[in-house]
Amino acid sequence: MALPRLRETATFRDARLIYKNFSGKAGKFNMEGVRNFSIMMGEKEGLALKRDRWNVKPMKRQEEDEEQFFHLKVSVNFDNRPPRIWLVTGLGQYRTMLDEDAVRAIDVLEAVKVDLEIVAYDWTLASGESGRKAYLSTLFFHPYESALELEYNNATELPQGTAPLELGTTPHYDLEGQLVNQDEDPTF
């Protein structure tokens, strides 16, 4: 016997994120501390979600004959059920869970691939008005990595403030091979 579904979810593969505000910055369309983003989608997917009562909105077309795109606003809330947000690097070899503070990095990172799951919260007001709000449940964010970043992805990363060598402990020589007194030479 199948288990009953506890909550309604939707999964997006290769999602295109727009209006990213994982940091919760105040802006024209956002109050301070409110974290969210939107998922951009084509007409077929947008209309299917709308039929399932998701709060999908049409986007303004640039040209009248242009395909109609839609977007779904998704809330990122760390209060009750914090989302699991992963940064995936090294061509998918490594993943790092981002906490409430680190997640703000997604606002400035360029995505190569994004997979995510959202959960529905259905609400009804005393007036009888009702709707559905989307909350982020799980996100896997693959940022763009340069060729150099990929080349050095196996190098050990040391915590900030530490160094593998103590600077200033090795002797320094001038061009004539004479030992330089580091305490007297202002270039050290």
N, C-alpha and C. Protein backbone atom coordinates (compact mmCIF):
# COMPACT_ATOMS: atom_id res chain seq x y z
N MET A 1 0.83 -1.18 0.00
CA MET A 1 0.00 0.00 0.00
C MET A 1 0.88 1.25 0.00
N ALA A 2 0.58 2.19 -0.87
CA ALA A 2 1.37 3.42 -0.98
C ALA A 2 1.07 4.33 0.21
N LEU A 3 2.10 5.01 0.66
CA LEU A 3 1.93 5.97 1.75
C LEU A 3 1.21 7.21 1.24
N PRO A 4 0.37 7.81 2.07
CA PRO A 4 -0.30 9.04 1.64
C PRO A 4 0.71 10.17 1.49
N ARG A 5 0.45 11.03 0.55
CA ARG A 5 1.34 12.17 0.31
C ARG A 5 1.09 13.21 1.40
N LEU A 6 2.15 13.59 2.11
CA LEU A 6 2.02 14.53 3.21
C LEU A 6 1.91 15.97 2.73
N ARG A 7 2.59 16.28 1.64
CA ARG A 7 2.57 17.64 1.11
C ARG A 7 2.76 17.59 -0.39
N GLU A 8 2.18 18.55 -1.06
CA GLU A 8 2.30 18.57 -2.51
C GLU A 8 3.60 19.27 -2.90
N THR A 9 4.34 18.66 -3.80
CA THR A 9 5.61 19.20 -4.23
C THR A 9 5.66 19.29 -5.75
N ALA A 10 6.62 20.04 -6.24
CA ALA A 10 6.93 20.10 -7.67
C ALA A 10 8.45 20.12 -7.81
N THR A 11 8.95 19.37 -8.75
CA THR A 11 10.39 19.28 -8.99
C THR A 11 10.72 19.92 -10.33
N PHE A 12 11.79 20.69 -10.36
CA PHE A 12 12.25 21.37 -11.58
C PHE A 12 13.69 20.95 -11.84
N ARG A 13 13.94 20.48 -13.04
CA ARG A 13 15.29 20.13 -13.48
C ARG A 13 15.75 21.20 -14.46
N ASP A 14 17.02 21.58 -14.37
CA ASP A 14 17.58 22.63 -15.24
C ASP A 14 16.73 23.89 -15.18
N ALA A 15 16.36 24.27 -13.98
CA ALA A 15 15.51 25.46 -13.78
C ALA A 15 16.29 26.73 -14.07
N ARG A 16 15.58 27.73 -14.53
CA ARG A 16 16.18 29.05 -14.76
C ARG A 16 15.67 29.99 -13.67
N LEU A 17 16.58 30.41 -12.78
CA LEU A 17 16.22 31.28 -11.67
C LEU A 17 16.33 32.74 -12.10
N ILE A 18 15.32 33.53 -11.75
CA ILE A 18 15.33 34.97 -12.02
C ILE A 18 14.91 35.68 -10.74
N TYR A 19 15.16 36.96 -10.69
CA TYR A 19 14.81 37.81 -9.53
C TYR A 19 15.33 37.19 -8.23
N LYS A 20 16.60 36.74 -8.24
CA LYS A 20 17.17 36.07 -7.07
C LYS A 20 17.37 37.07 -5.92
N ASN A 21 16.87 36.69 -4.75
CA ASN A 21 17.09 37.48 -3.52
C ASN A 21 17.20 36.53 -2.34
N PHE A 22 18.26 35.72 -2.36
CA PHE A 22 18.51 34.78 -1.27
C PHE A 22 19.03 35.50 -0.02
N SER A 23 19.52 36.72 -0.19
CA SER A 23 20.03 37.50 0.95
C SER A 23 18.92 38.23 1.69
N GLY A 24 17.77 38.42 1.07
CA GLY A 24 16.66 39.12 1.73
C GLY A 24 16.82 40.62 1.75
N LYS A 25 17.51 41.16 0.74
CA LYS A 25 17.69 42.62 0.64
C LYS A 25 16.37 43.32 0.34
N ALA A 26 16.19 44.48 0.93
CA ALA A 26 15.01 45.29 0.61
C ALA A 26 15.17 45.85 -0.79
N GLY A 27 14.08 45.95 -1.49
CA GLY A 27 14.09 46.51 -2.85
C GLY A 27 12.71 46.96 -3.25
N LYS A 28 12.58 47.32 -4.50
CA LYS A 28 11.31 47.83 -5.03
C LYS A 28 10.17 46.83 -4.82
N PHE A 29 10.46 45.54 -4.97
CA PHE A 29 9.43 44.51 -4.86
C PHE A 29 9.66 43.58 -3.67
N ASN A 30 10.46 44.00 -2.68
CA ASN A 30 10.80 43.10 -1.59
C ASN A 30 11.06 43.85 -0.29
N MET A 31 10.49 43.36 0.81
CA MET A 31 10.76 43.93 2.13
C MET A 31 12.07 43.34 2.67
N GLU A 32 12.76 44.08 3.53
CA GLU A 32 14.00 43.63 4.17
C GLU A 32 13.76 42.31 4.90
N GLY A 33 14.66 41.35 4.67
CA GLY A 33 14.60 40.06 5.35
C GLY A 33 13.77 39.01 4.66
N VAL A 34 13.04 39.37 3.61
CA VAL A 34 12.21 38.39 2.88
C VAL A 34 13.04 37.81 1.74
N ARG A 35 13.30 36.53 1.82
CA ARG A 35 14.14 35.84 0.82
C ARG A 35 13.25 35.12 -0.19
N ASN A 36 13.58 35.27 -1.47
CA ASN A 36 12.80 34.61 -2.50
C ASN A 36 13.52 34.66 -3.84
N PHE A 37 12.95 33.99 -4.81
CA PHE A 37 13.41 34.02 -6.19
C PHE A 37 12.24 33.57 -7.04
N SER A 38 12.38 33.65 -8.35
CA SER A 38 11.35 33.13 -9.25
C SER A 38 11.97 32.12 -10.20
N ILE A 39 11.14 31.17 -10.62
CA ILE A 39 11.53 30.19 -11.62
C ILE A 39 10.86 30.60 -12.92
N MET A 40 11.67 30.79 -13.96
CA MET A 40 11.14 31.14 -15.28
C MET A 40 10.86 29.85 -16.04
N MET A 41 9.71 29.82 -16.76
CA MET A 41 9.34 28.61 -17.49
C MET A 41 8.57 28.96 -18.76
N GLY A 42 8.48 28.00 -19.63
CA GLY A 42 7.73 28.17 -20.87
C GLY A 42 6.23 28.07 -20.64
N GLU A 43 5.49 28.31 -21.72
CA GLU A 43 4.03 28.37 -21.64
C GLU A 43 3.41 27.03 -21.22
N LYS A 44 3.88 25.93 -21.79
CA LYS A 44 3.30 24.61 -21.49
C LYS A 44 3.44 24.30 -20.00
N GLU A 45 4.63 24.45 -19.46
CA GLU A 45 4.88 24.17 -18.05
C GLU A 45 4.13 25.14 -17.14
N GLY A 46 4.11 26.42 -17.53
CA GLY A 46 3.42 27.43 -16.75
C GLY A 46 1.93 27.17 -16.64
N LEU A 47 1.31 26.83 -17.75
CA LEU A 47 -0.13 26.57 -17.74
C LEU A 47 -0.47 25.29 -16.96
N ALA A 48 0.40 24.29 -17.05
CA ALA A 48 0.17 23.05 -16.29
C ALA A 48 0.23 23.33 -14.79
N LEU A 49 1.19 24.13 -14.36
CA LEU A 49 1.29 24.47 -12.94
C LEU A 49 0.10 25.32 -12.49
N LYS A 50 -0.33 26.22 -13.34
CA LYS A 50 -1.49 27.06 -13.03
C LYS A 50 -2.74 26.20 -12.82
N ARG A 51 -2.91 25.17 -13.66
CA ARG A 51 -4.04 24.24 -13.49
C ARG A 51 -3.97 23.52 -12.14
N ASP A 52 -2.76 23.33 -11.65
CA ASP A 52 -2.57 22.66 -10.34
C ASP A 52 -2.58 23.66 -9.18
N ARG A 53 -3.07 24.86 -9.46
CA ARG A 53 -3.28 25.92 -8.46
C ARG A 53 -2.02 26.62 -7.97
N TRP A 54 -0.87 26.44 -8.63
CA TRP A 54 0.33 27.19 -8.27
C TRP A 54 0.14 28.63 -8.74
N ASN A 55 0.74 29.57 -8.06
CA ASN A 55 0.57 31.00 -8.33
C ASN A 55 1.53 31.46 -9.44
N VAL A 56 1.33 30.94 -10.63
CA VAL A 56 2.19 31.23 -11.78
C VAL A 56 1.70 32.51 -12.45
N LYS A 57 2.64 33.39 -12.80
CA LYS A 57 2.30 34.68 -13.43
C LYS A 57 2.93 34.77 -14.82
N PRO A 58 2.19 35.34 -15.80
CA PRO A 58 2.78 35.54 -17.13
C PRO A 58 3.80 36.68 -17.09
N MET A 59 4.84 36.55 -17.89
CA MET A 59 5.84 37.60 -17.99
C MET A 59 5.50 38.49 -19.17
N LYS A 60 5.92 39.73 -19.09
CA LYS A 60 5.68 40.67 -20.18
C LYS A 60 6.50 40.26 -21.40
N ARG A 61 5.83 40.21 -22.54
CA ARG A 61 6.50 39.85 -23.79
C ARG A 61 7.23 41.07 -24.36
N GLN A 62 8.38 40.83 -24.96
CA GLN A 62 9.13 41.89 -25.64
C GLN A 62 8.52 42.17 -27.01
N GLU A 63 8.10 41.11 -27.68
CA GLU A 63 7.48 41.20 -29.01
C GLU A 63 6.13 40.48 -28.94
N GLU A 64 5.14 40.95 -29.69
CA GLU A 64 3.81 40.37 -29.64
C GLU A 64 3.79 38.90 -30.08
N ASP A 65 4.62 38.55 -31.08
CA ASP A 65 4.63 37.18 -31.58
C ASP A 65 5.61 36.28 -30.82
N GLU A 66 6.22 36.78 -29.78
CA GLU A 66 7.17 36.03 -28.97
C GLU A 66 6.44 35.00 -28.09
N GLU A 67 7.11 33.89 -27.80
CA GLU A 67 6.54 32.87 -26.92
C GLU A 67 6.22 33.47 -25.55
N GLN A 68 5.13 33.04 -24.96
CA GLN A 68 4.74 33.51 -23.63
C GLN A 68 5.51 32.73 -22.57
N PHE A 69 6.23 33.46 -21.72
CA PHE A 69 6.93 32.85 -20.60
C PHE A 69 6.18 33.18 -19.31
N PHE A 70 6.38 32.33 -18.32
CA PHE A 70 5.75 32.49 -17.02
C PHE A 70 6.83 32.45 -15.94
N HIS A 71 6.46 32.92 -14.74
CA HIS A 71 7.37 32.75 -13.61
C HIS A 71 6.57 32.42 -12.36
N LEU A 72 7.22 31.69 -11.47
CA LEU A 72 6.63 31.29 -10.19
C LEU A 72 7.54 31.79 -9.08
N LYS A 73 6.99 32.62 -8.20
CA LYS A 73 7.75 33.15 -7.07
C LYS A 73 7.84 32.08 -6.00
N VAL A 74 9.06 31.87 -5.47
CA VAL A 74 9.32 30.84 -4.46
C VAL A 74 9.92 31.51 -3.24
N SER A 75 9.33 31.26 -2.07
CA SER A 75 9.85 31.81 -0.81
C SER A 75 10.93 30.91 -0.25
N VAL A 76 11.94 31.53 0.35
CA VAL A 76 13.04 30.81 1.00
C VAL A 76 12.96 31.16 2.48
N ASN A 77 12.49 30.22 3.29
CA ASN A 77 12.23 30.49 4.70
C ASN A 77 13.03 29.53 5.57
N PHE A 78 13.84 30.07 6.47
CA PHE A 78 14.66 29.26 7.36
C PHE A 78 14.04 29.09 8.74
N ASP A 79 12.82 29.56 8.95
CA ASP A 79 12.22 29.53 10.29
C ASP A 79 11.71 28.16 10.70
N ASN A 80 10.75 27.60 10.00
CA ASN A 80 10.11 26.35 10.43
C ASN A 80 10.79 25.11 9.87
N ARG A 81 10.76 24.98 8.57
CA ARG A 81 11.41 23.85 7.89
C ARG A 81 12.46 24.43 6.96
N PRO A 82 13.69 24.60 7.44
CA PRO A 82 14.70 25.21 6.57
C PRO A 82 14.96 24.38 5.33
N PRO A 83 15.14 25.04 4.20
CA PRO A 83 15.44 24.30 2.97
C PRO A 83 16.85 23.73 3.02
N ARG A 84 17.07 22.69 2.25
CA ARG A 84 18.41 22.13 2.09
C ARG A 84 18.93 22.69 0.77
N ILE A 85 19.94 23.54 0.88
CA ILE A 85 20.49 24.23 -0.29
C ILE A 85 21.94 23.80 -0.46
N TRP A 86 22.23 23.21 -1.60
CA TRP A 86 23.56 22.66 -1.87
C TRP A 86 24.24 23.42 -3.00
N LEU A 87 25.51 23.74 -2.81
CA LEU A 87 26.37 24.30 -3.86
C LEU A 87 27.18 23.12 -4.39
N VAL A 88 27.04 22.83 -5.69
CA VAL A 88 27.69 21.66 -6.30
C VAL A 88 28.81 22.15 -7.20
N THR A 89 30.04 21.72 -6.90
CA THR A 89 31.21 22.20 -7.65
C THR A 89 32.05 21.02 -8.14
N GLY A 90 33.13 21.34 -8.86
CA GLY A 90 34.04 20.31 -9.36
C GLY A 90 33.36 19.35 -10.31
N LEU A 91 32.57 19.91 -11.23
CA LEU A 91 31.83 19.11 -12.21
C LEU A 91 30.97 18.05 -11.54
N GLY A 92 30.36 18.43 -10.42
CA GLY A 92 29.45 17.54 -9.72
C GLY A 92 30.11 16.62 -8.71
N GLN A 93 31.43 16.74 -8.51
CA GLN A 93 32.14 15.88 -7.57
C GLN A 93 31.94 16.27 -6.11
N TYR A 94 31.69 17.55 -5.85
CA TYR A 94 31.63 18.05 -4.48
C TYR A 94 30.33 18.80 -4.25
N ARG A 95 29.79 18.68 -3.07
CA ARG A 95 28.63 19.47 -2.70
C ARG A 95 28.83 20.00 -1.29
N THR A 96 28.39 21.23 -1.10
CA THR A 96 28.51 21.91 0.19
C THR A 96 27.14 22.45 0.56
N MET A 97 26.66 22.10 1.74
CA MET A 97 25.37 22.64 2.18
C MET A 97 25.58 24.08 2.63
N LEU A 98 24.73 24.97 2.13
CA LEU A 98 24.82 26.38 2.48
C LEU A 98 23.86 26.69 3.62
N ASP A 99 24.37 27.41 4.61
CA ASP A 99 23.50 27.79 5.73
C ASP A 99 22.81 29.12 5.42
N GLU A 100 22.07 29.61 6.37
CA GLU A 100 21.26 30.81 6.19
C GLU A 100 22.10 32.03 5.78
N ASP A 101 23.34 32.11 6.25
CA ASP A 101 24.20 33.23 5.88
C ASP A 101 24.89 33.02 4.53
N ALA A 102 25.41 31.81 4.30
CA ALA A 102 26.17 31.52 3.08
C ALA A 102 25.30 31.50 1.83
N VAL A 103 23.99 31.26 1.99
CA VAL A 103 23.10 31.14 0.83
C VAL A 103 23.03 32.43 0.02
N ARG A 104 23.38 33.55 0.63
CA ARG A 104 23.34 34.83 -0.09
C ARG A 104 24.28 34.84 -1.30
N ALA A 105 25.27 33.96 -1.32
CA ALA A 105 26.21 33.89 -2.45
C ALA A 105 25.49 33.57 -3.76
N ILE A 106 24.37 32.85 -3.69
CA ILE A 106 23.65 32.48 -4.91
C ILE A 106 23.15 33.71 -5.66
N ASP A 107 22.93 34.83 -4.94
CA ASP A 107 22.48 36.05 -5.60
C ASP A 107 23.44 36.53 -6.68
N VAL A 108 24.74 36.27 -6.50
CA VAL A 108 25.74 36.80 -7.43
C VAL A 108 26.39 35.73 -8.30
N LEU A 109 26.12 34.47 -8.02
CA LEU A 109 26.73 33.41 -8.82
C LEU A 109 25.93 33.16 -10.10
N GLU A 110 26.65 32.85 -11.17
CA GLU A 110 26.02 32.49 -12.44
C GLU A 110 25.79 30.98 -12.43
N ALA A 111 24.57 30.57 -12.72
CA ALA A 111 24.22 29.15 -12.68
C ALA A 111 24.50 28.46 -14.01
N VAL A 112 25.03 27.25 -13.93
CA VAL A 112 25.18 26.38 -15.08
C VAL A 112 24.03 25.39 -15.09
N LYS A 113 23.64 24.93 -13.91
CA LYS A 113 22.54 23.97 -13.76
C LYS A 113 21.92 24.18 -12.38
N VAL A 114 20.59 24.13 -12.34
CA VAL A 114 19.86 24.24 -11.08
C VAL A 114 18.73 23.21 -11.08
N ASP A 115 18.73 22.37 -10.06
CA ASP A 115 17.64 21.43 -9.84
C ASP A 115 17.04 21.76 -8.48
N LEU A 116 15.70 21.74 -8.38
CA LEU A 116 15.09 22.11 -7.11
C LEU A 116 13.74 21.47 -6.93
N GLU A 117 13.33 21.43 -5.67
CA GLU A 117 12.00 20.96 -5.31
C GLU A 117 11.35 22.03 -4.45
N ILE A 118 10.07 22.29 -4.74
CA ILE A 118 9.31 23.24 -3.95
C ILE A 118 8.13 22.50 -3.31
N VAL A 119 7.63 23.08 -2.23
CA VAL A 119 6.48 22.50 -1.54
C VAL A 119 5.37 23.55 -1.50
N ALA A 120 4.14 23.09 -1.60
CA ALA A 120 2.98 23.99 -1.62
C ALA A 120 2.47 24.24 -0.22
N TYR A 121 2.08 25.49 0.01
CA TYR A 121 1.35 25.84 1.23
C TYR A 121 0.03 26.47 0.77
N ASP A 122 -1.06 25.76 0.99
CA ASP A 122 -2.38 26.25 0.60
C ASP A 122 -2.96 27.06 1.76
N TRP A 123 -3.47 28.24 1.46
CA TRP A 123 -4.00 29.12 2.50
C TRP A 123 -5.42 29.57 2.14
N THR A 124 -6.17 29.90 3.18
CA THR A 124 -7.52 30.43 3.02
C THR A 124 -7.74 31.51 4.07
N LEU A 125 -8.20 32.68 3.64
CA LEU A 125 -8.49 33.77 4.55
C LEU A 125 -9.93 33.66 5.05
N ALA A 126 -10.24 34.38 6.12
CA ALA A 126 -11.59 34.39 6.67
C ALA A 126 -12.60 34.90 5.64
N SER A 127 -12.13 35.75 4.72
CA SER A 127 -13.01 36.30 3.68
C SER A 127 -13.36 35.26 2.61
N GLY A 128 -12.70 34.10 2.66
CA GLY A 128 -12.95 33.06 1.66
C GLY A 128 -11.91 33.05 0.56
N GLU A 129 -11.10 34.12 0.45
CA GLU A 129 -10.03 34.15 -0.55
C GLU A 129 -9.00 33.07 -0.21
N SER A 130 -8.52 32.39 -1.23
CA SER A 130 -7.54 31.32 -1.00
C SER A 130 -6.46 31.36 -2.07
N GLY A 131 -5.40 30.65 -1.83
CA GLY A 131 -4.30 30.59 -2.79
C GLY A 131 -3.28 29.55 -2.39
N ARG A 132 -2.20 29.55 -3.13
CA ARG A 132 -1.13 28.59 -2.89
C ARG A 132 0.19 29.33 -2.97
N LYS A 133 1.04 29.14 -1.97
CA LYS A 133 2.35 29.76 -1.94
C LYS A 133 3.41 28.66 -2.08
N ALA A 134 4.46 28.95 -2.83
CA ALA A 134 5.54 28.00 -3.05
C ALA A 134 6.70 28.29 -2.11
N TYR A 135 7.18 27.26 -1.43
CA TYR A 135 8.35 27.36 -0.55
C TYR A 135 9.44 26.43 -1.06
N LEU A 136 10.69 26.88 -0.97
CA LEU A 136 11.81 26.06 -1.37
C LEU A 136 12.01 24.93 -0.37
N SER A 137 12.17 23.72 -0.88
CA SER A 137 12.43 22.56 -0.04
C SER A 137 13.89 22.11 -0.21
N THR A 138 14.30 21.91 -1.46
CA THR A 138 15.65 21.44 -1.76
C THR A 138 16.15 22.13 -3.02
N LEU A 139 17.45 22.49 -3.03
CA LEU A 139 18.05 23.15 -4.19
C LEU A 139 19.46 22.63 -4.38
N PHE A 140 19.79 22.27 -5.61
CA PHE A 140 21.17 21.92 -5.99
C PHE A 140 21.59 22.95 -7.03
N PHE A 141 22.57 23.79 -6.67
CA PHE A 141 23.00 24.91 -7.51
C PHE A 141 24.42 24.64 -7.99
N HIS A 142 24.56 24.49 -9.31
CA HIS A 142 25.87 24.28 -9.94
C HIS A 142 26.32 25.62 -10.51
N PRO A 143 27.30 26.30 -9.89
CA PRO A 143 27.75 27.58 -10.43
C PRO A 143 28.72 27.39 -11.60
N TYR A 144 28.85 28.44 -12.39
CA TYR A 144 29.87 28.44 -13.44
C TYR A 144 31.23 28.36 -12.75
N GLU A 145 32.11 27.52 -13.26
CA GLU A 145 33.48 27.43 -12.76
C GLU A 145 34.43 27.60 -13.94
N SER A 146 35.42 28.45 -13.77
CA SER A 146 36.38 28.69 -14.84
C SER A 146 37.29 27.48 -15.01
N ALA A 147 38.04 27.46 -16.11
CA ALA A 147 38.97 26.36 -16.36
C ALA A 147 40.00 26.25 -15.23
N LEU A 148 40.45 27.39 -14.69
CA LEU A 148 41.40 27.35 -13.59
C LEU A 148 40.78 26.77 -12.32
N GLU A 149 39.54 27.16 -12.03
CA GLU A 149 38.88 26.60 -10.84
C GLU A 149 38.74 25.09 -10.95
N LEU A 150 38.40 24.60 -12.14
CA LEU A 150 38.27 23.16 -12.34
C LEU A 150 39.63 22.46 -12.25
N GLU A 151 40.67 23.12 -12.77
CA GLU A 151 42.02 22.54 -12.71
C GLU A 151 42.47 22.35 -11.27
N TYR A 152 42.13 23.30 -10.41
CA TYR A 152 42.61 23.26 -9.03
C TYR A 152 41.54 22.75 -8.05
N ASN A 153 40.52 22.08 -8.53
CA ASN A 153 39.44 21.67 -7.63
C ASN A 153 39.85 20.59 -6.64
N ASN A 154 40.95 19.90 -6.88
CA ASN A 154 41.42 18.88 -5.93
C ASN A 154 42.46 19.41 -4.95
N ALA A 155 42.86 20.67 -5.12
CA ALA A 155 43.83 21.26 -4.18
C ALA A 155 43.16 21.44 -2.82
N THR A 156 43.91 21.17 -1.76
CA THR A 156 43.37 21.30 -0.41
C THR A 156 43.17 22.78 -0.07
N GLU A 157 41.98 23.09 0.39
CA GLU A 157 41.68 24.46 0.79
C GLU A 157 41.92 24.59 2.28
N LEU A 158 42.77 25.54 2.65
CA LEU A 158 43.07 25.78 4.06
C LEU A 158 42.10 26.82 4.62
N PRO A 159 41.80 26.73 5.90
CA PRO A 159 40.92 27.75 6.50
C PRO A 159 41.57 29.13 6.39
N GLN A 160 40.73 30.15 6.26
CA GLN A 160 41.25 31.51 6.16
C GLN A 160 42.07 31.83 7.40
N GLY A 161 43.18 32.54 7.22
CA GLY A 161 44.02 32.93 8.34
C GLY A 161 45.14 31.94 8.62
N THR A 162 45.22 30.84 7.90
CA THR A 162 46.30 29.89 8.08
C THR A 162 47.13 29.85 6.81
N ALA A 163 48.37 29.43 6.95
CA ALA A 163 49.25 29.33 5.79
C ALA A 163 50.11 28.09 5.95
N PRO A 164 50.43 27.38 4.87
CA PRO A 164 51.25 26.18 4.98
C PRO A 164 52.70 26.49 5.35
N LEU A 165 53.16 27.71 5.07
CA LEU A 165 54.53 28.14 5.40
C LEU A 165 54.46 29.40 6.24
N GLU A 166 55.36 29.51 7.17
CA GLU A 166 55.45 30.75 7.93
C GLU A 166 56.32 31.71 7.13
N LEU A 167 55.77 32.82 6.73
CA LEU A 167 56.53 33.80 5.96
C LEU A 167 57.54 34.49 6.86
N GLY A 168 58.70 34.79 6.31
CA GLY A 168 59.72 35.52 7.06
C GLY A 168 60.65 34.62 7.85
N THR A 169 60.51 33.30 7.80
CA THR A 169 61.38 32.41 8.56
C THR A 169 62.55 31.89 7.73
N THR A 170 62.48 32.05 6.41
CA THR A 170 63.58 31.57 5.57
C THR A 170 64.52 32.74 5.29
N PRO A 171 65.83 32.47 5.20
CA PRO A 171 66.78 33.57 4.94
C PRO A 171 66.58 34.13 3.53
N HIS A 172 66.84 35.42 3.36
CA HIS A 172 66.73 36.07 2.06
C HIS A 172 68.10 36.62 1.68
N TYR A 173 68.42 36.48 0.38
CA TYR A 173 69.71 36.91 -0.13
C TYR A 173 69.51 37.95 -1.21
N ASP A 174 70.47 38.91 -1.29
CA ASP A 174 70.39 39.90 -2.35
C ASP A 174 71.00 39.32 -3.61
N LEU A 175 71.08 40.13 -4.68
CA LEU A 175 71.56 39.64 -5.97
C LEU A 175 73.02 39.20 -5.93
N GLU A 176 73.81 39.72 -5.01
CA GLU A 176 75.21 39.33 -4.88
C GLU A 176 75.38 38.11 -3.98
N GLY A 177 74.30 37.57 -3.46
CA GLY A 177 74.39 36.38 -2.63
C GLY A 177 74.62 36.69 -1.15
N GLN A 178 74.53 37.96 -0.77
CA GLN A 178 74.73 38.33 0.63
C GLN A 178 73.42 38.19 1.41
N LEU A 179 73.51 37.64 2.62
CA LEU A 179 72.33 37.50 3.47
C LEU A 179 71.82 38.89 3.84
N VAL A 180 70.53 39.10 3.69
CA VAL A 180 69.92 40.39 3.98
C VAL A 180 69.30 40.31 5.37
N ASN A 181 69.55 41.31 6.17
CA ASN A 181 68.93 41.40 7.49
C ASN A 181 67.51 41.94 7.28
N GLN A 182 66.54 41.10 7.49
CA GLN A 182 65.16 41.46 7.21
C GLN A 182 64.65 42.57 8.14
N ASP A 183 65.22 42.66 9.33
CA ASP A 183 64.76 43.68 10.27
C ASP A 183 65.16 45.08 9.84
N GLU A 184 66.27 45.20 9.09
CA GLU A 184 66.75 46.50 8.66
C GLU A 184 66.28 46.88 7.26
N ASP A 185 65.96 45.92 6.44
CA ASP A 185 65.56 46.19 5.06
C ASP A 185 64.06 46.49 5.00
N PRO A 186 63.66 47.71 4.59
CA PRO A 186 62.25 48.07 4.57
C PRO A 186 61.43 47.33 3.52
N THR A 187 62.08 46.59 2.61
CA THR A 187 61.31 45.86 1.59
C THR A 187 60.75 44.55 2.11
N PHE A 188 61.12 44.16 3.34
CA PHE A 188 60.60 42.90 3.90
C PHE A 188 59.56 43.18 4.94
